[in-house]
Amino acid sequence: MIQKEFRNEDPPGKIIALVLSTVSLLGMNSLAVKITLQGIPPLKMALLRYILGILAVGGVGFIQGMSMRLRFGELRRLILIAVLHALHTVLLNIGTDLTIASRSTIFFALHPIFSVIFGHFWLRDDQLSLRKVLGILAAFGGVIAAIAPNLRGSGVLEYLIGDLIVTLAACFFGLRITLTKVFVQHIYPHRLLVWLLILNIPCFLLLSYLFEHGKPINLTSASGAGMLYQGWILTGFCFLVLTSVLRKYKASKLVVLYFFMPVSGVLFSNLFLGDELSSSILAGTALVAAGIYLVNRRN
């Protein structure tokens, strides 16, 4: 039986290292998406990603002897999480289309701030403090510092609508993280994630039919590899790890680690492209690390 008490502990160093490694893998999401889009349309890509994720998470749960059977009492919570997931995914795609990628990255990186704000009111023993606020601001400043060189020459008003939509997507994602922390106390992470993905499949199946009808899948070795990375590494492994650790540890001390995600994306992109690491990237990484330290420092 799953324990019913609300667990909200400070994460130890090994959990911080695990989450940092996980969000580093998530930082390669944009690169994997770009590779996959060479052969698979975006909505079909999301649909296949969810199917692969279900196979990965459900398979692990089956091996560990966990029941994936939906309990009626869990349905309302799971539908709410699934709706928030679909909203943030659709809004992020629309907003990114109306702005530029670097601006979208910065505004979506606001989601840990929203998570901490929601958690201040909904999660006991996880309230805001001056040190947490300073750490979060330092980490977000690191994201801006790392990506700022890509913003040169970009307008403000020209991309304002897209920026606002991406910010709304970040808000929904932050709320989903907070509610996941609450719900995972009563629903095993494997079952929560499997049903989150299952409930999203009809939505993206319909969207794919409406907007990508007649756009075939042209599977290549590159797009296939990108698809497997998204489905098994990102959705299967990373999402499961992040959902599982939320069950036991304080959300505010975990979500600040998510600020390393866009920074790791820039780092990986530079490494794969063979570019030298600029001073802005190094400064941004240092700021994110300082913010993580401030938030997770023991009293």
C-alpha atoms as a PDB file:
ATOM      1  CA  MET A   1       0.000   0.000   0.000  1.00  0.00           C
ATOM      2  CA  ILE A   2       1.171   3.508  -0.780  1.00  0.00           C
ATOM      3  CA  GLN A   3       1.906   5.640   2.273  1.00  0.00           C
ATOM      4  CA  LYS A   4      -0.701   8.292   2.961  1.00  0.00           C
ATOM      5  CA  GLU A   5       1.331  10.805   4.979  1.00  0.00           C
ATOM      6  CA  PHE A   6       2.462  13.916   3.135  1.00  0.00           C
ATOM      7  CA  ARG A   7       6.209  13.609   2.526  1.00  0.00           C
ATOM      8  CA  ASN A   8       8.147  16.849   2.064  1.00  0.00           C
ATOM      9  CA  GLU A   9      11.803  16.366   2.951  1.00  0.00           C
ATOM     10  CA  ASP A  10      14.917  18.311   1.971  1.00  0.00           C
ATOM     11  CA  PRO A  11      16.655  16.521  -0.923  1.00  0.00           C
ATOM     12  CA  PRO A  12      20.102  15.076  -0.072  1.00  0.00           C
ATOM     13  CA  GLY A  13      23.115  15.582  -2.309  1.00  0.00           C
ATOM     14  CA  LYS A  14      22.633  12.335  -4.243  1.00  0.00           C
ATOM     15  CA  ILE A  15      19.053  13.311  -5.174  1.00  0.00           C
ATOM     16  CA  ILE A  16      20.204  16.774  -6.270  1.00  0.00           C
ATOM     17  CA  ALA A  17      22.876  15.129  -8.442  1.00  0.00           C
ATOM     18  CA  LEU A  18      20.292  12.717  -9.900  1.00  0.00           C
ATOM     19  CA  VAL A  19      17.854  15.523 -10.769  1.00  0.00           C
ATOM     20  CA  LEU A  20      20.634  17.677 -12.257  1.00  0.00           C
ATOM     21  CA  SER A  21      21.697  14.761 -14.458  1.00  0.00           C
ATOM     22  CA  THR A  22      18.080  14.217 -15.483  1.00  0.00           C
ATOM     23  CA  VAL A  23      17.382  17.842 -16.411  1.00  0.00           C
ATOM     24  CA  SER A  24      20.674  17.861 -18.329  1.00  0.00           C
ATOM     25  CA  LEU A  25      19.236  15.092 -20.525  1.00  0.00           C
ATOM     26  CA  LEU A  26      16.038  17.143 -20.875  1.00  0.00           C
ATOM     27  CA  GLY A  27      18.187  20.029 -22.102  1.00  0.00           C
ATOM     28  CA  MET A  28      18.763  18.036 -25.280  1.00  0.00           C
ATOM     29  CA  ASN A  29      15.017  18.002 -25.990  1.00  0.00           C
ATOM     30  CA  SER A  30      15.166  20.834 -28.549  1.00  0.00           C
ATOM     31  CA  LEU A  31      17.987  19.110 -30.408  1.00  0.00           C
ATOM     32  CA  ALA A  32      16.067  15.804 -30.429  1.00  0.00           C
ATOM     33  CA  VAL A  33      12.900  17.580 -31.643  1.00  0.00           C
ATOM     34  CA  LYS A  34      14.745  19.275 -34.511  1.00  0.00           C
ATOM     35  CA  ILE A  35      16.254  15.964 -35.603  1.00  0.00           C
ATOM     36  CA  THR A  36      12.909  14.155 -35.375  1.00  0.00           C
ATOM     37  CA  LEU A  37      11.078  16.864 -37.342  1.00  0.00           C
ATOM     38  CA  GLN A  38      13.193  15.954 -40.367  1.00  0.00           C
ATOM     39  CA  GLY A  39      10.896  12.989 -40.907  1.00  0.00           C
ATOM     40  CA  ILE A  40       7.906  13.241 -38.561  1.00  0.00           C
ATOM     41  CA  PRO A  41       5.335  16.105 -38.360  1.00  0.00           C
ATOM     42  CA  PRO A  42       5.146  17.779 -34.885  1.00  0.00           C
ATOM     43  CA  LEU A  43       1.733  16.533 -33.707  1.00  0.00           C
ATOM     44  CA  LYS A  44       2.395  12.990 -34.923  1.00  0.00           C
ATOM     45  CA  MET A  45       5.751  13.269 -33.175  1.00  0.00           C
ATOM     46  CA  ALA A  46       4.047  14.129 -29.864  1.00  0.00           C
ATOM     47  CA  LEU A  47       1.627  11.232 -30.337  1.00  0.00           C
ATOM     48  CA  LEU A  48       4.426   8.733 -30.979  1.00  0.00           C
ATOM     49  CA  ARG A  49       6.396  10.150 -28.056  1.00  0.00           C
ATOM     50  CA  TYR A  50       3.498   9.436 -25.705  1.00  0.00           C
ATOM     51  CA  ILE A  51       3.041   5.903 -27.052  1.00  0.00           C
ATOM     52  CA  LEU A  52       6.745   5.125 -26.597  1.00  0.00           C
ATOM     53  CA  GLY A  53       6.619   6.695 -23.128  1.00  0.00           C
ATOM     54  CA  ILE A  54       3.669   4.493 -22.143  1.00  0.00           C
ATOM     55  CA  LEU A  55       5.564   1.387 -23.277  1.00  0.00           C
ATOM     56  CA  ALA A  56       8.678   2.449 -21.338  1.00  0.00           C
ATOM     57  CA  VAL A  57       7.020   3.512 -18.064  1.00  0.00           C
ATOM     58  CA  GLY A  58       4.350   0.802 -18.182  1.00  0.00           C
ATOM     59  CA  GLY A  59       6.995  -1.817 -18.944  1.00  0.00           C
ATOM     60  CA  VAL A  60       9.109  -0.794 -15.950  1.00  0.00           C
ATOM     61  CA  GLY A  61       6.031  -0.784 -13.740  1.00  0.00           C
ATOM     62  CA  PHE A  62       4.994  -4.227 -14.995  1.00  0.00           C
ATOM     63  CA  ILE A  63       8.467  -5.655 -14.315  1.00  0.00           C
ATOM     64  CA  GLN A  64       8.320  -4.212 -10.788  1.00  0.00           C
ATOM     65  CA  GLY A  65       4.888  -5.754 -10.247  1.00  0.00           C
ATOM     66  CA  MET A  66       2.950  -2.475 -10.066  1.00  0.00           C
ATOM     67  CA  SER A  67      -0.704  -2.352 -11.072  1.00  0.00           C
ATOM     68  CA  MET A  68      -1.489   0.109 -13.868  1.00  0.00           C
ATOM     69  CA  ARG A  69      -5.232  -0.368 -13.400  1.00  0.00           C
ATOM     70  CA  LEU A  70      -7.051   2.949 -13.126  1.00  0.00           C
ATOM     71  CA  ARG A  71      -8.844   3.529  -9.831  1.00  0.00           C
ATOM     72  CA  PHE A  72     -12.115   5.436 -10.153  1.00  0.00           C
ATOM     73  CA  GLY A  73     -11.167   7.740  -7.286  1.00  0.00           C
ATOM     74  CA  GLU A  74      -7.986   8.766  -9.161  1.00  0.00           C
ATOM     75  CA  LEU A  75      -9.735   9.685 -12.414  1.00  0.00           C
ATOM     76  CA  ARG A  76     -10.551  13.318 -11.597  1.00  0.00           C
ATOM     77  CA  ARG A  77      -6.984  14.065 -10.506  1.00  0.00           C
ATOM     78  CA  LEU A  78      -5.489  12.346 -13.529  1.00  0.00           C
ATOM     79  CA  ILE A  79      -7.786  14.206 -15.938  1.00  0.00           C
ATOM     80  CA  LEU A  80      -6.772  17.536 -14.349  1.00  0.00           C
ATOM     81  CA  ILE A  81      -3.050  16.706 -14.702  1.00  0.00           C
ATOM     82  CA  ALA A  82      -3.592  15.530 -18.306  1.00  0.00           C
ATOM     83  CA  VAL A  83      -5.484  18.713 -19.239  1.00  0.00           C
ATOM     84  CA  LEU A  84      -2.727  20.906 -17.774  1.00  0.00           C
ATOM     85  CA  HIS A  85      -0.127  18.870 -19.667  1.00  0.00           C
ATOM     86  CA  ALA A  86      -2.002  19.228 -22.969  1.00  0.00           C
ATOM     87  CA  LEU A  87      -2.537  22.975 -22.382  1.00  0.00           C
ATOM     88  CA  HIS A  88       1.101  23.705 -21.673  1.00  0.00           C
ATOM     89  CA  THR A  89       2.244  21.613 -24.659  1.00  0.00           C
ATOM     90  CA  VAL A  90      -0.153  23.252 -27.151  1.00  0.00           C
ATOM     91  CA  LEU A  91       0.445  26.789 -25.814  1.00  0.00           C
ATOM     92  CA  LEU A  92       4.221  26.286 -25.878  1.00  0.00           C
ATOM     93  CA  ASN A  93       4.097  25.187 -29.522  1.00  0.00           C
ATOM     94  CA  ILE A  94       1.814  28.092 -30.526  1.00  0.00           C
ATOM     95  CA  GLY A  95       3.789  30.672 -28.567  1.00  0.00           C
ATOM     96  CA  THR A  96       7.131  29.463 -29.887  1.00  0.00           C
ATOM     97  CA  ASP A  97       5.771  29.764 -33.416  1.00  0.00           C
ATOM     98  CA  LEU A  98       4.902  33.448 -32.739  1.00  0.00           C
ATOM     99  CA  THR A  99       8.266  34.345 -31.187  1.00  0.00           C
ATOM    100  CA  ILE A 100      11.841  33.085 -31.604  1.00  0.00           C
ATOM    101  CA  ALA A 101      13.345  29.992 -30.013  1.00  0.00           C
ATOM    102  CA  SER A 102      15.728  31.789 -27.634  1.00  0.00           C
ATOM    103  CA  ARG A 103      12.962  34.051 -26.296  1.00  0.00           C
ATOM    104  CA  SER A 104      10.661  31.048 -25.904  1.00  0.00           C
ATOM    105  CA  THR A 105      13.369  29.263 -23.920  1.00  0.00           C
ATOM    106  CA  ILE A 106      13.722  32.183 -21.519  1.00  0.00           C
ATOM    107  CA  PHE A 107      10.008  32.706 -20.933  1.00  0.00           C
ATOM    108  CA  PHE A 108       9.287  28.991 -20.528  1.00  0.00           C
ATOM    109  CA  ALA A 109      12.152  28.858 -18.017  1.00  0.00           C
ATOM    110  CA  LEU A 110       9.842  30.845 -15.704  1.00  0.00           C
ATOM    111  CA  HIS A 111       7.964  27.641 -14.811  1.00  0.00           C
ATOM    112  CA  PRO A 112      10.010  26.890 -11.650  1.00  0.00           C
ATOM    113  CA  ILE A 113       9.049  30.354 -10.349  1.00  0.00           C
ATOM    114  CA  PHE A 114       5.364  29.565 -10.865  1.00  0.00           C
ATOM    115  CA  SER A 115       5.835  26.172  -9.165  1.00  0.00           C
ATOM    116  CA  VAL A 116       7.392  27.795  -6.103  1.00  0.00           C
ATOM    117  CA  ILE A 117       4.627  30.429  -5.924  1.00  0.00           C
ATOM    118  CA  PHE A 118       1.852  27.802  -6.174  1.00  0.00           C
ATOM    119  CA  GLY A 119       3.698  25.589  -3.701  1.00  0.00           C
ATOM    120  CA  HIS A 120       3.937  28.440  -1.188  1.00  0.00           C
ATOM    121  CA  PHE A 121       0.144  28.344  -0.842  1.00  0.00           C
ATOM    122  CA  TRP A 122      -0.589  24.621  -1.417  1.00  0.00           C
ATOM    123  CA  LEU A 123       2.378  22.696   0.002  1.00  0.00           C
ATOM    124  CA  ARG A 124       2.882  22.750   3.741  1.00  0.00           C
ATOM    125  CA  ASP A 125       6.444  23.183   5.014  1.00  0.00           C
ATOM    126  CA  ASP A 126       7.490  24.469   1.577  1.00  0.00           C
ATOM    127  CA  GLN A 127       6.925  28.211   1.868  1.00  0.00           C
ATOM    128  CA  LEU A 128       8.979  30.962   0.284  1.00  0.00           C
ATOM    129  CA  SER A 129      11.889  32.517   2.150  1.00  0.00           C
ATOM    130  CA  LEU A 130      14.267  35.351   1.286  1.00  0.00           C
ATOM    131  CA  ARG A 131      17.050  32.864   0.525  1.00  0.00           C
ATOM    132  CA  LYS A 132      14.804  30.882  -1.815  1.00  0.00           C
ATOM    133  CA  VAL A 133      13.734  34.035  -3.648  1.00  0.00           C
ATOM    134  CA  LEU A 134      17.350  35.171  -4.084  1.00  0.00           C
ATOM    135  CA  GLY A 135      18.384  31.715  -5.275  1.00  0.00           C
ATOM    136  CA  ILE A 136      15.555  31.499  -7.804  1.00  0.00           C
ATOM    137  CA  LEU A 137      16.310  34.992  -9.142  1.00  0.00           C
ATOM    138  CA  ALA A 138      20.014  34.133  -9.448  1.00  0.00           C
ATOM    139  CA  ALA A 139      19.223  30.901 -11.320  1.00  0.00           C
ATOM    140  CA  PHE A 140      16.809  32.640 -13.700  1.00  0.00           C
ATOM    141  CA  GLY A 141      19.412  35.369 -14.250  1.00  0.00           C
ATOM    142  CA  GLY A 142      21.828  32.615 -15.239  1.00  0.00           C
ATOM    143  CA  VAL A 143      19.388  31.370 -17.883  1.00  0.00           C
ATOM    144  CA  ILE A 144      19.117  34.890 -19.334  1.00  0.00           C
ATOM    145  CA  ALA A 145      22.903  35.347 -19.257  1.00  0.00           C
ATOM    146  CA  ALA A 146      23.484  32.065 -21.105  1.00  0.00           C
ATOM    147  CA  ILE A 147      20.921  32.769 -23.834  1.00  0.00           C
ATOM    148  CA  ALA A 148      21.199  36.582 -24.088  1.00  0.00           C
ATOM    149  CA  PRO A 149      23.682  36.562 -27.028  1.00  0.00           C
ATOM    150  CA  ASN A 150      20.968  34.902 -29.151  1.00  0.00           C
ATOM    151  CA  LEU A 151      18.566  37.801 -28.505  1.00  0.00           C
ATOM    152  CA  ARG A 152      20.564  40.465 -30.332  1.00  0.00           C
ATOM    153  CA  GLY A 153      18.515  42.279 -32.901  1.00  0.00           C
ATOM    154  CA  SER A 154      15.213  40.753 -31.809  1.00  0.00           C
ATOM    155  CA  GLY A 155      12.305  43.092 -31.282  1.00  0.00           C
ATOM    156  CA  VAL A 156      10.126  43.374 -28.184  1.00  0.00           C
ATOM    157  CA  LEU A 157       6.660  44.301 -29.434  1.00  0.00           C
ATOM    158  CA  GLU A 158       7.071  42.094 -32.512  1.00  0.00           C
ATOM    159  CA  TYR A 159       7.159  38.953 -30.386  1.00  0.00           C
ATOM    160  CA  LEU A 160       5.085  40.135 -27.402  1.00  0.00           C
ATOM    161  CA  ILE A 161       2.035  37.925 -28.085  1.00  0.00           C
ATOM    162  CA  GLY A 162       4.201  34.826 -28.511  1.00  0.00           C
ATOM    163  CA  ASP A 163       6.139  35.665 -25.343  1.00  0.00           C
ATOM    164  CA  LEU A 164       2.908  36.032 -23.346  1.00  0.00           C
ATOM    165  CA  ILE A 165       1.552  32.705 -24.650  1.00  0.00           C
ATOM    166  CA  VAL A 166       4.796  30.923 -23.732  1.00  0.00           C
ATOM    167  CA  THR A 167       4.641  32.520 -20.263  1.00  0.00           C
ATOM    168  CA  LEU A 168       1.097  31.174 -19.873  1.00  0.00           C
ATOM    169  CA  ALA A 169       2.383  27.747 -20.911  1.00  0.00           C
ATOM    170  CA  ALA A 170       5.065  28.040 -18.209  1.00  0.00           C
ATOM    171  CA  CYS A 171       2.348  28.913 -15.672  1.00  0.00           C
ATOM    172  CA  PHE A 172       0.332  25.798 -16.537  1.00  0.00           C
ATOM    173  CA  PHE A 173       3.470  23.651 -16.407  1.00  0.00           C
ATOM    174  CA  GLY A 174       4.406  25.090 -13.000  1.00  0.00           C
ATOM    175  CA  LEU A 175       0.903  24.349 -11.733  1.00  0.00           C
ATOM    176  CA  ARG A 176       1.149  20.793 -13.073  1.00  0.00           C
ATOM    177  CA  ILE A 177       4.388  20.224 -11.154  1.00  0.00           C
ATOM    178  CA  THR A 178       2.806  21.483  -7.924  1.00  0.00           C
ATOM    179  CA  LEU A 179      -0.310  19.336  -8.337  1.00  0.00           C
ATOM    180  CA  THR A 180       1.830  16.335  -9.252  1.00  0.00           C
ATOM    181  CA  LYS A 181       3.609  16.779  -5.900  1.00  0.00           C
ATOM    182  CA  VAL A 182       0.207  16.628  -4.181  1.00  0.00           C
ATOM    183  CA  PHE A 183      -1.314  13.790  -6.228  1.00  0.00           C
ATOM    184  CA  VAL A 184       1.744  11.530  -6.244  1.00  0.00           C
ATOM    185  CA  GLN A 185       1.292  11.122  -2.481  1.00  0.00           C
ATOM    186  CA  HIS A 186      -1.726   8.918  -3.288  1.00  0.00           C
ATOM    187  CA  ILE A 187      -0.986   7.617  -6.818  1.00  0.00           C
ATOM    188  CA  TYR A 188       2.134   5.644  -7.668  1.00  0.00           C
ATOM    189  CA  PRO A 189       4.415   7.666 -10.036  1.00  0.00           C
ATOM    190  CA  HIS A 190       4.355   4.926 -12.697  1.00  0.00           C
ATOM    191  CA  ARG A 191       0.559   4.783 -12.807  1.00  0.00           C
ATOM    192  CA  LEU A 192       0.198   8.582 -12.701  1.00  0.00           C
ATOM    193  CA  LEU A 193       2.589   9.033 -15.624  1.00  0.00           C
ATOM    194  CA  VAL A 194       1.118   6.185 -17.697  1.00  0.00           C
ATOM    195  CA  TRP A 195      -2.430   7.539 -17.385  1.00  0.00           C
ATOM    196  CA  LEU A 196      -1.265  11.121 -17.963  1.00  0.00           C
ATOM    197  CA  LEU A 197       0.129   9.954 -21.315  1.00  0.00           C
ATOM    198  CA  ILE A 198      -2.868   7.739 -22.143  1.00  0.00           C
ATOM    199  CA  LEU A 199      -5.349  10.552 -21.509  1.00  0.00           C
ATOM    200  CA  ASN A 200      -3.355  12.879 -23.787  1.00  0.00           C
ATOM    201  CA  ILE A 201      -3.346  10.474 -26.739  1.00  0.00           C
ATOM    202  CA  PRO A 202      -6.944  11.222 -27.922  1.00  0.00           C
ATOM    203  CA  CYS A 203      -6.216  14.967 -27.852  1.00  0.00           C
ATOM    204  CA  PHE A 204      -3.125  14.745 -30.042  1.00  0.00           C
ATOM    205  CA  LEU A 205      -4.683  12.068 -32.243  1.00  0.00           C
ATOM    206  CA  LEU A 206      -7.509  14.499 -33.056  1.00  0.00           C
ATOM    207  CA  LEU A 207      -5.156  17.468 -33.521  1.00  0.00           C
ATOM    208  CA  SER A 208      -2.925  15.403 -35.806  1.00  0.00           C
ATOM    209  CA  TYR A 209      -5.924  14.346 -37.898  1.00  0.00           C
ATOM    210  CA  LEU A 210      -7.201  17.928 -38.202  1.00  0.00           C
ATOM    211  CA  PHE A 211      -3.924  19.719 -38.925  1.00  0.00           C
ATOM    212  CA  GLU A 212      -1.575  17.066 -40.311  1.00  0.00           C
ATOM    213  CA  HIS A 213      -3.929  15.074 -42.502  1.00  0.00           C
ATOM    214  CA  GLY A 214      -1.980  14.152 -45.612  1.00  0.00           C
ATOM    215  CA  LYS A 215       1.424  14.810 -44.024  1.00  0.00           C
ATOM    216  CA  PRO A 216       3.153  11.417 -44.060  1.00  0.00           C
ATOM    217  CA  ILE A 217       5.800  10.064 -41.711  1.00  0.00           C
ATOM    218  CA  ASN A 218       9.137   9.743 -43.491  1.00  0.00           C
ATOM    219  CA  LEU A 219      11.123   7.687 -41.016  1.00  0.00           C
ATOM    220  CA  THR A 220      14.894   7.938 -41.329  1.00  0.00           C
ATOM    221  CA  SER A 221      17.646   6.673 -39.058  1.00  0.00           C
ATOM    222  CA  ALA A 222      18.124  10.208 -37.683  1.00  0.00           C
ATOM    223  CA  SER A 223      14.430  10.948 -37.087  1.00  0.00           C
ATOM    224  CA  GLY A 224      13.957   7.454 -35.640  1.00  0.00           C
ATOM    225  CA  ALA A 225      16.823   7.990 -33.193  1.00  0.00           C
ATOM    226  CA  GLY A 226      15.420  11.374 -32.198  1.00  0.00           C
ATOM    227  CA  MET A 227      11.985   9.814 -31.680  1.00  0.00           C
ATOM    228  CA  LEU A 228      13.373   7.028 -29.493  1.00  0.00           C
ATOM    229  CA  TYR A 229      15.322   9.577 -27.426  1.00  0.00           C
ATOM    230  CA  GLN A 230      12.164  11.616 -26.835  1.00  0.00           C
ATOM    231  CA  GLY A 231       9.976   8.602 -26.063  1.00  0.00           C
ATOM    232  CA  TRP A 232      12.271   6.403 -23.998  1.00  0.00           C
ATOM    233  CA  ILE A 233      14.921   8.721 -22.515  1.00  0.00           C
ATOM    234  CA  LEU A 234      12.937  11.939 -22.011  1.00  0.00           C
ATOM    235  CA  THR A 235       9.376  10.714 -21.438  1.00  0.00           C
ATOM    236  CA  GLY A 236      10.209   7.239 -20.163  1.00  0.00           C
ATOM    237  CA  PHE A 237      13.249   7.847 -17.955  1.00  0.00           C
ATOM    238  CA  CYS A 238      13.425  11.596 -17.200  1.00  0.00           C
ATOM    239  CA  PHE A 239       9.732  12.225 -16.524  1.00  0.00           C
ATOM    240  CA  LEU A 240       9.538   9.100 -14.346  1.00  0.00           C
ATOM    241  CA  VAL A 241      12.565  10.148 -12.277  1.00  0.00           C
ATOM    242  CA  LEU A 242      11.282  13.707 -11.785  1.00  0.00           C
ATOM    243  CA  THR A 243       7.787  12.501 -10.882  1.00  0.00           C
ATOM    244  CA  SER A 244       9.160   9.922  -8.441  1.00  0.00           C
ATOM    245  CA  VAL A 245      11.416  12.316  -6.513  1.00  0.00           C
ATOM    246  CA  LEU A 246       8.545  14.812  -6.175  1.00  0.00           C
ATOM    247  CA  ARG A 247       6.715  12.266  -4.048  1.00  0.00           C
ATOM    248  CA  LYS A 248       9.224  12.546  -1.192  1.00  0.00           C
ATOM    249  CA  TYR A 249      11.176  15.799  -1.514  1.00  0.00           C
ATOM    250  CA  LYS A 250      10.314  19.510  -1.398  1.00  0.00           C
ATOM    251  CA  ALA A 251       9.132  20.824  -4.742  1.00  0.00           C
ATOM    252  CA  SER A 252      10.697  24.281  -4.261  1.00  0.00           C
ATOM    253  CA  LYS A 253      14.136  22.728  -3.766  1.00  0.00           C
ATOM    254  CA  LEU A 254      13.764  20.457  -6.785  1.00  0.00           C
ATOM    255  CA  VAL A 255      12.227  22.788  -9.389  1.00  0.00           C
ATOM    256  CA  VAL A 256      15.079  25.311  -9.063  1.00  0.00           C
ATOM    257  CA  LEU A 257      17.256  22.552 -10.562  1.00  0.00           C
ATOM    258  CA  TYR A 258      15.104  22.819 -13.705  1.00  0.00           C
ATOM    259  CA  PHE A 259      16.818  26.148 -14.448  1.00  0.00           C
ATOM    260  CA  PHE A 260      19.829  24.097 -15.540  1.00  0.00           C
ATOM    261  CA  MET A 261      17.748  22.596 -18.359  1.00  0.00           C
ATOM    262  CA  PRO A 262      17.998  25.492 -20.879  1.00  0.00           C
ATOM    263  CA  VAL A 263      21.616  26.116 -19.873  1.00  0.00           C
ATOM    264  CA  SER A 264      22.510  22.464 -20.518  1.00  0.00           C
ATOM    265  CA  GLY A 265      20.701  22.756 -23.858  1.00  0.00           C
ATOM    266  CA  VAL A 266      22.984  25.643 -24.842  1.00  0.00           C
ATOM    267  CA  LEU A 267      26.035  23.748 -23.565  1.00  0.00           C
ATOM    268  CA  PHE A 268      25.151  20.597 -25.533  1.00  0.00           C
ATOM    269  CA  SER A 269      24.370  22.603 -28.679  1.00  0.00           C
ATOM    270  CA  ASN A 270      27.764  24.302 -28.514  1.00  0.00           C
ATOM    271  CA  LEU A 271      29.554  21.024 -27.911  1.00  0.00           C
ATOM    272  CA  PHE A 272      27.790  19.235 -30.782  1.00  0.00           C
ATOM    273  CA  LEU A 273      28.369  22.160 -33.135  1.00  0.00           C
ATOM    274  CA  GLY A 274      32.010  22.376 -32.134  1.00  0.00           C
ATOM    275  CA  ASP A 275      31.749  25.973 -30.907  1.00  0.00           C
ATOM    276  CA  GLU A 276      33.818  27.334 -28.047  1.00  0.00           C
ATOM    277  CA  LEU A 277      31.987  27.976 -24.795  1.00  0.00           C
ATOM    278  CA  SER A 278      31.474  31.743 -24.529  1.00  0.00           C
ATOM    279  CA  SER A 279      31.922  33.765 -21.351  1.00  0.00           C
ATOM    280  CA  SER A 280      28.161  34.392 -21.225  1.00  0.00           C
ATOM    281  CA  ILE A 281      27.432  30.641 -21.164  1.00  0.00           C
ATOM    282  CA  LEU A 282      30.009  30.052 -18.434  1.00  0.00           C
ATOM    283  CA  ALA A 283      28.697  33.020 -16.406  1.00  0.00           C
ATOM    284  CA  GLY A 284      25.133  31.790 -16.834  1.00  0.00           C
ATOM    285  CA  THR A 285      26.083  28.302 -15.669  1.00  0.00           C
ATOM    286  CA  ALA A 286      27.821  29.764 -12.598  1.00  0.00           C
ATOM    287  CA  LEU A 287      24.742  31.859 -11.722  1.00  0.00           C
ATOM    288  CA  VAL A 288      22.423  28.876 -12.038  1.00  0.00           C
ATOM    289  CA  ALA A 289      24.760  26.858  -9.798  1.00  0.00           C
ATOM    290  CA  ALA A 290      24.808  29.684  -7.236  1.00  0.00           C
ATOM    291  CA  GLY A 291      21.009  29.865  -7.246  1.00  0.00           C
ATOM    292  CA  ILE A 292      20.717  26.094  -6.762  1.00  0.00           C
ATOM    293  CA  TYR A 293      23.139  26.298  -3.845  1.00  0.00           C
ATOM    294  CA  LEU A 294      21.192  29.105  -2.158  1.00  0.00           C
ATOM    295  CA  VAL A 295      17.863  27.324  -2.421  1.00  0.00           C
ATOM    296  CA  ASN A 296      19.179  23.935  -1.264  1.00  0.00           C
ATOM    297  CA  ARG A 297      21.610  25.121   1.403  1.00  0.00           C
ATOM    298  CA  ARG A 298      20.837  23.632   4.785  1.00  0.00           C
ATOM    299  CA  ASN A 299      20.164  26.046   7.643  1.00  0.00           C
END
